[in-house]
C-alpha atoms as a PDB file:
ATOM      1  CA  UNK A   1     -13.642  25.216 -34.976  1.00  0.00           C
ATOM      2  CA  UNK A   2     -14.006  22.343 -32.514  1.00  0.00           C
ATOM      3  CA  UNK A   3     -15.960  19.022 -32.726  1.00  0.00           C
ATOM      4  CA  UNK A   4     -17.444  16.654 -30.303  1.00  0.00           C
ATOM      5  CA  UNK A   5     -17.960  13.031 -31.047  1.00  0.00           C
ATOM      6  CA  UNK A   6     -20.316  11.496 -28.790  1.00  0.00           C
ATOM      7  CA  UNK A   7     -22.221  14.494 -27.919  1.00  0.00           C
ATOM      8  CA  UNK A   8     -25.501  12.794 -26.827  1.00  0.00           C
ATOM      9  CA  UNK A   9     -23.846  10.807 -24.155  1.00  0.00           C
ATOM     10  CA  UNK A  10     -23.252  11.972 -20.240  1.00  0.00           C
ATOM     11  CA  UNK A  11     -19.726  13.125 -21.004  1.00  0.00           C
ATOM     12  CA  UNK A  12     -20.297  14.651 -24.351  1.00  0.00           C
ATOM     13  CA  UNK A  13     -23.198  16.592 -22.811  1.00  0.00           C
ATOM     14  CA  UNK A  14     -21.067  17.829 -20.061  1.00  0.00           C
ATOM     15  CA  UNK A  15     -18.518  18.792 -22.484  1.00  0.00           C
ATOM     16  CA  UNK A  16     -20.882  20.896 -24.700  1.00  0.00           C
ATOM     17  CA  UNK A  17     -22.137  22.673 -21.554  1.00  0.00           C
ATOM     18  CA  UNK A  18     -18.641  23.626 -20.753  1.00  0.00           C
ATOM     19  CA  UNK A  19     -18.037  24.938 -24.097  1.00  0.00           C
ATOM     20  CA  UNK A  20     -21.061  27.037 -23.834  1.00  0.00           C
ATOM     21  CA  UNK A  21     -20.145  28.545 -20.692  1.00  0.00           C
ATOM     22  CA  UNK A  22     -16.728  29.333 -22.263  1.00  0.00           C
ATOM     23  CA  UNK A  23     -18.403  31.848 -24.872  1.00  0.00           C
ATOM     24  CA  UNK A  24     -19.920  31.947 -28.075  1.00  0.00           C
ATOM     25  CA  UNK A  25     -20.005  28.246 -29.904  1.00  0.00           C
ATOM     26  CA  UNK A  26     -18.062  27.229 -32.964  1.00  0.00           C
ATOM     27  CA  UNK A  27     -18.921  23.721 -32.946  1.00  0.00           C
ATOM     28  CA  UNK A  28     -19.491  20.610 -35.001  1.00  0.00           C
ATOM     29  CA  UNK A  29     -21.249  17.636 -33.107  1.00  0.00           C
ATOM     30  CA  UNK A  30     -21.393  13.972 -33.923  1.00  0.00           C
ATOM     31  CA  UNK A  31     -23.269  11.055 -32.675  1.00  0.00           C
ATOM     32  CA  UNK A  32     -24.264   7.624 -33.945  1.00  0.00           C
ATOM     33  CA  UNK A  33     -26.294   7.201 -37.226  1.00  0.00           C
ATOM     34  CA  UNK A  34     -29.562   7.290 -35.465  1.00  0.00           C
ATOM     35  CA  UNK A  35     -29.014  10.985 -34.491  1.00  0.00           C
ATOM     36  CA  UNK A  36     -27.739  12.063 -38.077  1.00  0.00           C
ATOM     37  CA  UNK A  37     -29.474  15.199 -39.129  1.00  0.00           C
ATOM     38  CA  UNK A  38     -31.373  15.283 -35.874  1.00  0.00           C
ATOM     39  CA  UNK A  39     -30.837  18.493 -33.481  1.00  0.00           C
ATOM     40  CA  UNK A  40     -29.510  18.167 -30.084  1.00  0.00           C
ATOM     41  CA  UNK A  41     -29.437  20.961 -27.438  1.00  0.00           C
ATOM     42  CA  UNK A  42     -29.873  23.427 -30.577  1.00  0.00           C
ATOM     43  CA  UNK A  43     -27.215  21.919 -32.784  1.00  0.00           C
ATOM     44  CA  UNK A  44     -27.558  19.798 -35.857  1.00  0.00           C
ATOM     45  CA  UNK A  45     -25.876  16.282 -35.191  1.00  0.00           C
ATOM     46  CA  UNK A  46     -23.891  14.674 -37.940  1.00  0.00           C
ATOM     47  CA  UNK A  47     -22.859  11.321 -38.529  1.00  0.00           C
ATOM     48  CA  UNK A  48     -19.605   9.723 -38.614  1.00  0.00           C
ATOM     49  CA  UNK A  49     -18.650   9.620 -42.138  1.00  0.00           C
ATOM     50  CA  UNK A  50     -15.353   9.846 -44.239  1.00  0.00           C
ATOM     51  CA  UNK A  51     -14.337  13.492 -44.580  1.00  0.00           C
ATOM     52  CA  UNK A  52     -16.499  14.489 -41.794  1.00  0.00           C
ATOM     53  CA  UNK A  53     -13.761  16.193 -39.716  1.00  0.00           C
ATOM     54  CA  UNK A  54     -12.494  18.336 -42.578  1.00  0.00           C
ATOM     55  CA  UNK A  55     -12.140  22.154 -41.485  1.00  0.00           C
ATOM     56  CA  UNK A  56     -11.988  21.285 -37.824  1.00  0.00           C
ATOM     57  CA  UNK A  57      -9.056  22.337 -35.740  1.00  0.00           C
ATOM     58  CA  UNK A  58      -9.696  20.284 -32.598  1.00  0.00           C
ATOM     59  CA  UNK A  59     -11.795  17.191 -32.171  1.00  0.00           C
ATOM     60  CA  UNK A  60     -12.897  15.691 -28.559  1.00  0.00           C
ATOM     61  CA  UNK A  61     -13.825  12.042 -28.641  1.00  0.00           C
ATOM     62  CA  UNK A  62     -16.359  11.462 -25.573  1.00  0.00           C
ATOM     63  CA  UNK A  63     -16.734   7.774 -26.970  1.00  0.00           C
ATOM     64  CA  UNK A  64     -16.080   4.056 -26.137  1.00  0.00           C
ATOM     65  CA  UNK A  65     -12.923   2.646 -27.036  1.00  0.00           C
ATOM     66  CA  UNK A  66     -14.160   0.841 -30.224  1.00  0.00           C
ATOM     67  CA  UNK A  67     -15.543   4.300 -31.574  1.00  0.00           C
ATOM     68  CA  UNK A  68     -12.350   6.135 -30.855  1.00  0.00           C
ATOM     69  CA  UNK A  69     -10.237   3.285 -32.604  1.00  0.00           C
ATOM     70  CA  UNK A  70     -12.081   3.415 -35.610  1.00  0.00           C
ATOM     71  CA  UNK A  71     -12.684   7.347 -36.041  1.00  0.00           C
ATOM     72  CA  UNK A  72      -9.499   8.856 -34.236  1.00  0.00           C
ATOM     73  CA  UNK A  73      -7.262   8.067 -37.295  1.00  0.00           C
ATOM     74  CA  UNK A  74      -9.670   9.742 -39.565  1.00  0.00           C
ATOM     75  CA  UNK A  75      -9.754  12.964 -37.629  1.00  0.00           C
ATOM     76  CA  UNK A  76      -5.943  12.704 -37.555  1.00  0.00           C
ATOM     77  CA  UNK A  77      -5.682  12.376 -41.242  1.00  0.00           C
ATOM     78  CA  UNK A  78      -7.976  15.541 -41.711  1.00  0.00           C
ATOM     79  CA  UNK A  79      -5.239  17.515 -39.693  1.00  0.00           C
ATOM     80  CA  UNK A  80      -7.241  17.903 -36.429  1.00  0.00           C
ATOM     81  CA  UNK A  81      -5.838  17.804 -33.043  1.00  0.00           C
ATOM     82  CA  UNK A  82      -7.509  15.120 -31.291  1.00  0.00           C
ATOM     83  CA  UNK A  83      -8.349  14.596 -27.510  1.00  0.00           C
ATOM     84  CA  UNK A  84      -9.762  11.200 -26.714  1.00  0.00           C
ATOM     85  CA  UNK A  85     -11.424  10.375 -23.404  1.00  0.00           C
ATOM     86  CA  UNK A  86     -11.478   6.510 -24.235  1.00  0.00           C
ATOM     87  CA  UNK A  87      -8.972   3.782 -23.206  1.00  0.00           C
ATOM     88  CA  UNK A  88      -8.147   3.222 -26.792  1.00  0.00           C
ATOM     89  CA  UNK A  89      -4.906   5.065 -26.799  1.00  0.00           C
ATOM     90  CA  UNK A  90      -3.822   5.664 -23.164  1.00  0.00           C
ATOM     91  CA  UNK A  91      -1.283   3.091 -23.132  1.00  0.00           C
ATOM     92  CA  UNK A  92       0.395   3.890 -26.199  1.00  0.00           C
ATOM     93  CA  UNK A  93       3.829   5.100 -25.560  1.00  0.00           C
ATOM     94  CA  UNK A  94       3.417   7.769 -28.197  1.00  0.00           C
ATOM     95  CA  UNK A  95       0.408   9.233 -26.790  1.00  0.00           C
ATOM     96  CA  UNK A  96       0.466  11.546 -23.783  1.00  0.00           C
ATOM     97  CA  UNK A  97      -1.847  10.579 -20.991  1.00  0.00           C
ATOM     98  CA  UNK A  98      -2.679  14.283 -19.547  1.00  0.00           C
ATOM     99  CA  UNK A  99      -4.102  15.773 -16.532  1.00  0.00           C
ATOM    100  CA  UNK A 100      -3.033  19.562 -16.871  1.00  0.00           C
ATOM    101  CA  UNK A 101      -2.487  20.227 -13.300  1.00  0.00           C
ATOM    102  CA  UNK A 102      -0.126  17.427 -13.018  1.00  0.00           C
ATOM    103  CA  UNK A 103       1.757  17.051 -16.196  1.00  0.00           C
ATOM    104  CA  UNK A 104       0.499  19.571 -18.621  1.00  0.00           C
ATOM    105  CA  UNK A 105       3.772  21.062 -18.736  1.00  0.00           C
ATOM    106  CA  UNK A 106       4.700  18.054 -20.790  1.00  0.00           C
ATOM    107  CA  UNK A 107       2.362  18.899 -23.668  1.00  0.00           C
ATOM    108  CA  UNK A 108       3.081  21.039 -26.651  1.00  0.00           C
ATOM    109  CA  UNK A 109       1.573  22.061 -29.983  1.00  0.00           C
ATOM    110  CA  UNK A 110       3.406  19.465 -31.856  1.00  0.00           C
ATOM    111  CA  UNK A 111       1.289  16.386 -30.331  1.00  0.00           C
ATOM    112  CA  UNK A 112      -1.674  15.682 -32.549  1.00  0.00           C
ATOM    113  CA  UNK A 113      -3.189  12.914 -30.266  1.00  0.00           C
ATOM    114  CA  UNK A 114      -3.786  13.408 -26.625  1.00  0.00           C
ATOM    115  CA  UNK A 115      -5.552  11.024 -24.159  1.00  0.00           C
ATOM    116  CA  UNK A 116      -7.455  11.671 -20.952  1.00  0.00           C
ATOM    117  CA  UNK A 117      -7.258   9.259 -18.056  1.00  0.00           C
ATOM    118  CA  UNK A 118      -9.813   7.065 -16.428  1.00  0.00           C
ATOM    119  CA  UNK A 119     -12.252   8.905 -13.954  1.00  0.00           C
ATOM    120  CA  UNK A 120     -10.693   7.472 -10.971  1.00  0.00           C
ATOM    121  CA  UNK A 121      -7.214   7.859 -11.863  1.00  0.00           C
ATOM    122  CA  UNK A 122      -7.681  11.480 -12.518  1.00  0.00           C
ATOM    123  CA  UNK A 123      -9.535  12.179  -9.361  1.00  0.00           C
ATOM    124  CA  UNK A 124      -6.824  10.229  -7.295  1.00  0.00           C
ATOM    125  CA  UNK A 125      -3.963  12.140  -8.917  1.00  0.00           C
ATOM    126  CA  UNK A 126      -5.486  15.426  -8.137  1.00  0.00           C
ATOM    127  CA  UNK A 127      -4.654  14.552  -4.518  1.00  0.00           C
ATOM    128  CA  UNK A 128      -1.642  12.281  -5.080  1.00  0.00           C
ATOM    129  CA  UNK A 129       0.393  14.362  -7.329  1.00  0.00           C
ATOM    130  CA  UNK A 130       0.787  17.497  -5.243  1.00  0.00           C
ATOM    131  CA  UNK A 131       1.700  15.340  -2.246  1.00  0.00           C
ATOM    132  CA  UNK A 132       4.841  14.360  -4.170  1.00  0.00           C
ATOM    133  CA  UNK A 133       6.215  17.650  -2.980  1.00  0.00           C
ATOM    134  CA  UNK A 134       6.736  16.199   0.469  1.00  0.00           C
ATOM    135  CA  UNK A 135       7.945  12.718  -0.601  1.00  0.00           C
ATOM    136  CA  UNK A 136       8.397  10.195  -3.146  1.00  0.00           C
ATOM    137  CA  UNK A 137       5.428   7.860  -3.474  1.00  0.00           C
ATOM    138  CA  UNK A 138       6.345   4.265  -2.716  1.00  0.00           C
ATOM    139  CA  UNK A 139       2.786   2.556  -2.677  1.00  0.00           C
ATOM    140  CA  UNK A 140      -0.697   3.544  -3.461  1.00  0.00           C
ATOM    141  CA  UNK A 141      -3.843   1.365  -2.450  1.00  0.00           C
ATOM    142  CA  UNK A 142      -6.976   2.697  -3.460  1.00  0.00           C
ATOM    143  CA  UNK A 143     -10.722   1.391  -2.849  1.00  0.00           C
ATOM    144  CA  UNK A 144     -13.443   3.008  -5.066  1.00  0.00           C
ATOM    145  CA  UNK A 145     -17.043   3.872  -4.548  1.00  0.00           C
ATOM    146  CA  UNK A 146     -17.936   4.383  -8.242  1.00  0.00           C
ATOM    147  CA  UNK A 147     -21.623   5.911  -8.912  1.00  0.00           C
ATOM    148  CA  UNK A 148     -23.782   4.778 -11.855  1.00  0.00           C
ATOM    149  CA  UNK A 149     -23.040   7.754 -13.956  1.00  0.00           C
ATOM    150  CA  UNK A 150     -19.509   6.571 -14.656  1.00  0.00           C
ATOM    151  CA  UNK A 151     -20.912   3.742 -16.525  1.00  0.00           C
ATOM    152  CA  UNK A 152     -23.096   6.045 -18.804  1.00  0.00           C
ATOM    153  CA  UNK A 153     -26.752   6.983 -19.301  1.00  0.00           C
ATOM    154  CA  UNK A 154     -28.060   3.278 -19.389  1.00  0.00           C
ATOM    155  CA  UNK A 155     -26.956   2.201 -15.989  1.00  0.00           C
ATOM    156  CA  UNK A 156     -28.071   5.628 -14.446  1.00  0.00           C
ATOM    157  CA  UNK A 157     -31.544   5.330 -15.714  1.00  0.00           C
ATOM    158  CA  UNK A 158     -31.506   1.611 -14.535  1.00  0.00           C
ATOM    159  CA  UNK A 159     -30.665   2.391 -11.101  1.00  0.00           C
ATOM    160  CA  UNK A 160     -33.496   5.140 -10.984  1.00  0.00           C
ATOM    161  CA  UNK A 161     -35.883   2.673 -12.145  1.00  0.00           C
ATOM    162  CA  UNK A 162     -34.731  -0.049  -9.817  1.00  0.00           C
ATOM    163  CA  UNK A 163     -34.951   2.268  -6.891  1.00  0.00           C
ATOM    164  CA  UNK A 164     -38.936   2.108  -7.415  1.00  0.00           C
ATOM    165  CA  UNK A 165     -39.065  -1.566  -7.345  1.00  0.00           C
ATOM    166  CA  UNK A 166     -38.807  -4.357  -4.919  1.00  0.00           C
ATOM    167  CA  UNK A 167     -35.167  -5.305  -4.101  1.00  0.00           C
ATOM    168  CA  UNK A 168     -33.608  -7.462  -6.393  1.00  0.00           C
ATOM    169  CA  UNK A 169     -29.870  -9.273  -5.570  1.00  0.00           C
ATOM    170  CA  UNK A 170     -29.001  -8.746  -9.049  1.00  0.00           C
ATOM    171  CA  UNK A 171     -29.754  -4.921  -9.332  1.00  0.00           C
ATOM    172  CA  UNK A 172     -27.647  -1.950  -8.627  1.00  0.00           C
ATOM    173  CA  UNK A 173     -30.174  -0.159  -6.262  1.00  0.00           C
ATOM    174  CA  UNK A 174     -29.631  -1.043  -2.664  1.00  0.00           C
ATOM    175  CA  UNK A 175     -26.794  -3.099  -3.574  1.00  0.00           C
ATOM    176  CA  UNK A 176     -23.118  -3.338  -4.375  1.00  0.00           C
ATOM    177  CA  UNK A 177     -21.096  -4.533  -7.312  1.00  0.00           C
ATOM    178  CA  UNK A 178     -17.776  -5.927  -6.226  1.00  0.00           C
ATOM    179  CA  UNK A 179     -16.405  -5.957  -9.782  1.00  0.00           C
ATOM    180  CA  UNK A 180     -16.447  -3.349 -12.554  1.00  0.00           C
ATOM    181  CA  UNK A 181     -15.488  -4.478 -15.880  1.00  0.00           C
ATOM    182  CA  UNK A 182     -14.125  -7.990 -16.790  1.00  0.00           C
ATOM    183  CA  UNK A 183     -11.972 -10.111 -14.220  1.00  0.00           C
ATOM    184  CA  UNK A 184      -8.798 -11.427 -15.562  1.00  0.00           C
ATOM    185  CA  UNK A 185      -7.295 -14.648 -14.445  1.00  0.00           C
ATOM    186  CA  UNK A 186      -5.045 -12.949 -11.962  1.00  0.00           C
ATOM    187  CA  UNK A 187      -8.523 -11.772 -10.204  1.00  0.00           C
ATOM    188  CA  UNK A 188      -8.198  -7.991 -11.206  1.00  0.00           C
ATOM    189  CA  UNK A 189     -10.772  -6.368 -13.172  1.00  0.00           C
ATOM    190  CA  UNK A 190      -9.846  -4.473 -16.342  1.00  0.00           C
ATOM    191  CA  UNK A 191     -10.974  -1.105 -14.363  1.00  0.00           C
ATOM    192  CA  UNK A 192      -8.464  -1.756 -11.730  1.00  0.00           C
ATOM    193  CA  UNK A 193      -5.767  -2.463 -14.319  1.00  0.00           C
ATOM    194  CA  UNK A 194      -6.714   0.842 -15.878  1.00  0.00           C
ATOM    195  CA  UNK A 195      -6.155   2.559 -12.602  1.00  0.00           C
ATOM    196  CA  UNK A 196      -2.993   1.016 -11.999  1.00  0.00           C
ATOM    197  CA  UNK A 197      -1.335   1.601 -15.391  1.00  0.00           C
ATOM    198  CA  UNK A 198      -2.723   5.086 -15.746  1.00  0.00           C
ATOM    199  CA  UNK A 199      -1.542   6.630 -12.202  1.00  0.00           C
ATOM    200  CA  UNK A 200       2.006   4.956 -13.491  1.00  0.00           C
ATOM    201  CA  UNK A 201       1.804   6.465 -16.678  1.00  0.00           C
ATOM    202  CA  UNK A 202       0.775  10.106 -15.634  1.00  0.00           C
ATOM    203  CA  UNK A 203       3.252  10.186 -12.940  1.00  0.00           C
ATOM    204  CA  UNK A 204       6.039   8.670 -15.210  1.00  0.00           C
ATOM    205  CA  UNK A 205       6.595   5.873 -12.499  1.00  0.00           C
ATOM    206  CA  UNK A 206       6.297   2.526 -13.812  1.00  0.00           C
ATOM    207  CA  UNK A 207       7.803   1.163 -10.646  1.00  0.00           C
ATOM    208  CA  UNK A 208       5.055   2.670  -8.447  1.00  0.00           C
ATOM    209  CA  UNK A 209       3.305  -0.066  -6.724  1.00  0.00           C
ATOM    210  CA  UNK A 210      -0.456   0.815  -7.154  1.00  0.00           C
ATOM    211  CA  UNK A 211      -3.382  -1.550  -6.101  1.00  0.00           C
ATOM    212  CA  UNK A 212      -6.963  -0.912  -6.677  1.00  0.00           C
ATOM    213  CA  UNK A 213     -10.218  -2.369  -5.829  1.00  0.00           C
ATOM    214  CA  UNK A 214     -13.312  -0.832  -7.785  1.00  0.00           C
ATOM    215  CA  UNK A 215     -16.609  -1.284  -6.635  1.00  0.00           C
ATOM    216  CA  UNK A 216     -20.104   0.128  -8.119  1.00  0.00           C
ATOM    217  CA  UNK A 217     -22.072   1.634  -5.561  1.00  0.00           C
ATOM    218  CA  UNK A 218     -25.980   2.763  -6.072  1.00  0.00           C
ATOM    219  CA  UNK A 219     -25.606   6.365  -6.410  1.00  0.00           C
ATOM    220  CA  UNK A 220     -26.036   8.584  -9.263  1.00  0.00           C
ATOM    221  CA  UNK A 221     -22.815  10.778  -9.057  1.00  0.00           C
ATOM    222  CA  UNK A 222     -20.115  11.513  -8.007  1.00  0.00           C
ATOM    223  CA  UNK A 223     -17.366   9.043  -7.515  1.00  0.00           C
ATOM    224  CA  UNK A 224     -15.555   8.557  -4.252  1.00  0.00           C
ATOM    225  CA  UNK A 225     -12.458   6.606  -2.933  1.00  0.00           C
ATOM    226  CA  UNK A 226     -10.352   5.807   0.053  1.00  0.00           C
ATOM    227  CA  UNK A 227      -6.619   6.160  -0.662  1.00  0.00           C
ATOM    228  CA  UNK A 228      -3.576   4.834   1.154  1.00  0.00           C
ATOM    229  CA  UNK A 229      -0.512   6.378   0.063  1.00  0.00           C
ATOM    230  CA  UNK A 230       2.841   5.226   1.498  1.00  0.00           C
ATOM    231  CA  UNK A 231       6.063   7.460   0.808  1.00  0.00           C
ATOM    232  CA  UNK A 232       9.771   7.095   1.308  1.00  0.00           C
ATOM    233  CA  UNK A 233       9.662   9.313   4.417  1.00  0.00           C
ATOM    234  CA  UNK A 234       7.579  10.054   7.289  1.00  0.00           C
ATOM    235  CA  UNK A 235       4.838  12.857   6.479  1.00  0.00           C
ATOM    236  CA  UNK A 236       2.854  14.845   8.956  1.00  0.00           C
ATOM    237  CA  UNK A 237      -0.757  15.282   8.362  1.00  0.00           C
ATOM    238  CA  UNK A 238      -0.573  19.063   8.850  1.00  0.00           C
ATOM    239  CA  UNK A 239       2.025  19.107   6.079  1.00  0.00           C
ATOM    240  CA  UNK A 240      -0.227  17.068   3.783  1.00  0.00           C
ATOM    241  CA  UNK A 241      -3.177  19.399   4.658  1.00  0.00           C
ATOM    242  CA  UNK A 242      -1.033  22.464   3.635  1.00  0.00           C
ATOM    243  CA  UNK A 243      -0.405  21.136   0.404  1.00  0.00           C
ATOM    244  CA  UNK A 244      -3.674  19.453  -0.399  1.00  0.00           C
ATOM    245  CA  UNK A 245      -5.593  22.813   0.473  1.00  0.00           C
ATOM    246  CA  UNK A 246      -3.697  24.757  -2.148  1.00  0.00           C
ATOM    247  CA  UNK A 247      -4.872  22.327  -4.976  1.00  0.00           C
ATOM    248  CA  UNK A 248      -8.309  21.129  -4.060  1.00  0.00           C
ATOM    249  CA  UNK A 249     -11.276  21.458  -1.531  1.00  0.00           C
ATOM    250  CA  UNK A 250      -9.924  20.099   1.610  1.00  0.00           C
ATOM    251  CA  UNK A 251     -11.717  19.297   4.625  1.00  0.00           C
ATOM    252  CA  UNK A 252     -10.114  19.097   8.168  1.00  0.00           C
ATOM    253  CA  UNK A 253     -13.398  18.445   9.810  1.00  0.00           C
ATOM    254  CA  UNK A 254     -17.141  18.017   8.895  1.00  0.00           C
ATOM    255  CA  UNK A 255     -16.258  15.920   5.862  1.00  0.00           C
ATOM    256  CA  UNK A 256     -18.681  16.461   2.770  1.00  0.00           C
ATOM    257  CA  UNK A 257     -21.311  13.937   1.647  1.00  0.00           C
ATOM    258  CA  UNK A 258     -20.455  12.894  -1.778  1.00  0.00           C
ATOM    259  CA  UNK A 259     -23.725  14.239  -3.397  1.00  0.00           C
ATOM    260  CA  UNK A 260     -22.428  17.594  -2.497  1.00  0.00           C
ATOM    261  CA  UNK A 261     -19.710  17.008  -5.451  1.00  0.00           C
ATOM    262  CA  UNK A 262     -22.212  16.140  -7.928  1.00  0.00           C
ATOM    263  CA  UNK A 263     -21.814  18.579 -10.942  1.00  0.00           C
ATOM    264  CA  UNK A 264     -18.907  20.351  -9.147  1.00  0.00           C
ATOM    265  CA  UNK A 265     -15.753  21.051 -11.060  1.00  0.00           C
ATOM    266  CA  UNK A 266     -13.621  20.787  -7.948  1.00  0.00           C
ATOM    267  CA  UNK A 267     -12.407  17.474  -6.140  1.00  0.00           C
ATOM    268  CA  UNK A 268     -12.292  17.200  -2.447  1.00  0.00           C
ATOM    269  CA  UNK A 269     -10.154  15.288   0.161  1.00  0.00           C
ATOM    270  CA  UNK A 270     -11.373  14.751   3.673  1.00  0.00           C
ATOM    271  CA  UNK A 271     -10.620  12.225   6.451  1.00  0.00           C
ATOM    272  CA  UNK A 272      -6.843  12.620   6.383  1.00  0.00           C
ATOM    273  CA  UNK A 273      -5.023  10.892   8.730  1.00  0.00           C
ATOM    274  CA  UNK A 274      -1.566   9.140   9.422  1.00  0.00           C
ATOM    275  CA  UNK A 275      -0.958   5.517   9.531  1.00  0.00           C
ATOM    276  CA  UNK A 276      -0.415   4.804  13.484  1.00  0.00           C
ATOM    277  CA  UNK A 277       1.681   1.886  12.401  1.00  0.00           C
ATOM    278  CA  UNK A 278       3.371   3.632   9.845  1.00  0.00           C
ATOM    279  CA  UNK A 279       4.498   7.455   9.892  1.00  0.00           C
ATOM    280  CA  UNK A 280       5.130   7.247   5.983  1.00  0.00           C
ATOM    281  CA  UNK A 281       1.786   6.431   5.045  1.00  0.00           C
ATOM    282  CA  UNK A 282      -1.311   8.647   4.942  1.00  0.00           C
ATOM    283  CA  UNK A 283      -5.033   7.504   4.432  1.00  0.00           C
ATOM    284  CA  UNK A 284      -7.656   9.932   3.062  1.00  0.00           C
ATOM    285  CA  UNK A 285     -11.279  10.023   1.376  1.00  0.00           C
ATOM    286  CA  UNK A 286     -11.248  11.658  -2.100  1.00  0.00           C
ATOM    287  CA  UNK A 287     -14.441  12.728  -4.320  1.00  0.00           C
ATOM    288  CA  UNK A 288     -14.758  13.945  -7.648  1.00  0.00           C
ATOM    289  CA  UNK A 289     -17.416  13.945 -10.513  1.00  0.00           C
ATOM    290  CA  UNK A 290     -16.588  11.505 -13.153  1.00  0.00           C
ATOM    291  CA  UNK A 291     -18.458  13.623 -15.964  1.00  0.00           C
ATOM    292  CA  UNK A 292     -16.429  16.677 -14.853  1.00  0.00           C
ATOM    293  CA  UNK A 293     -12.768  16.306 -13.589  1.00  0.00           C
ATOM    294  CA  UNK A 294     -12.976  12.811 -14.233  1.00  0.00           C
ATOM    295  CA  UNK A 295     -14.156  13.172 -17.772  1.00  0.00           C
ATOM    296  CA  UNK A 296     -15.229  16.344 -19.718  1.00  0.00           C
ATOM    297  CA  UNK A 297     -13.706  19.187 -17.618  1.00  0.00           C
ATOM    298  CA  UNK A 298     -10.037  17.350 -17.997  1.00  0.00           C
ATOM    299  CA  UNK A 299     -10.473  16.965 -21.639  1.00  0.00           C
ATOM    300  CA  UNK A 300     -12.102  20.751 -21.862  1.00  0.00           C
ATOM    301  CA  UNK A 301      -8.750  21.897 -20.019  1.00  0.00           C
ATOM    302  CA  UNK A 302      -6.340  19.851 -22.230  1.00  0.00           C
ATOM    303  CA  UNK A 303      -7.923  21.468 -25.195  1.00  0.00           C
ATOM    304  CA  UNK A 304      -7.862  24.959 -23.652  1.00  0.00           C
ATOM    305  CA  UNK A 305      -4.192  24.726 -23.045  1.00  0.00           C
ATOM    306  CA  UNK A 306      -3.769  24.053 -26.868  1.00  0.00           C
ATOM    307  CA  UNK A 307      -6.331  26.315 -28.181  1.00  0.00           C
ATOM    308  CA  UNK A 308      -5.215  28.493 -30.926  1.00  0.00           C
ATOM    309  CA  UNK A 309      -2.253  26.270 -31.953  1.00  0.00           C
ATOM    310  CA  UNK A 310      -2.858  23.653 -34.843  1.00  0.00           C
ATOM    311  CA  UNK A 311      -1.281  20.198 -35.001  1.00  0.00           C
ATOM    312  CA  UNK A 312       1.187  20.047 -37.725  1.00  0.00           C
END
């Protein structure tokens, strides 16, 4: 039996829907104490408490890092395998950071704790990883257009309310926020550092130059980004297109509007072109839903690959 912690959040709700699509539910769900003993989507919500994970095989944490840091050890002590969607354990050398299509072959049943990457890193790697068949990545530069859904229910509701009010220079509606997360002394936000570090870790390339600029945009979902990828050799766009269309939705013409990929399980790439000043470099536009492949779907696929095995 599986468990979902944080089932009332956006990612938790998306994961619950994926579990329902997969077949009859054998599931226990958890949320904050204010939800305790209430029903959510037909399931009784349990509060987190010592011993609450007893009898579960696998637990998904759709929570913020502070909640995961406190309660993941409790689930591990109960003998559960844990798949964590927060940033709490992503940079722990002992914890695999997993995108099944990219490095799922490195996962085995002996691993008790696995982490799912940041939504931007996941969506970017769905395109970048298969392109490594054509050449070794030397540099990646990403500019993101991140929707409100990636920040959770509160910002999503705030955006929807603001859209009905007069324009406010501090609001997200009709605006752009040029920083996501806290700015460090080096000028990079913690979101940008996550993208850099997690792409490096998933690809096992600590030497890879990754530079991200993360911007919040006034859309509900999904996320989008432009990616500049330089390789160690010239790559023709036709070669890249042949690889990409085997791994995701590829648009040679008529690029999709981002809203077309809200609530879609697949990611998309469009606007592929070669740098006219450097034939080793490609630029393209990528789209993916932060609640699905950028979140719940990636976690679900990690768990699906290990289902039927129990952590030692």
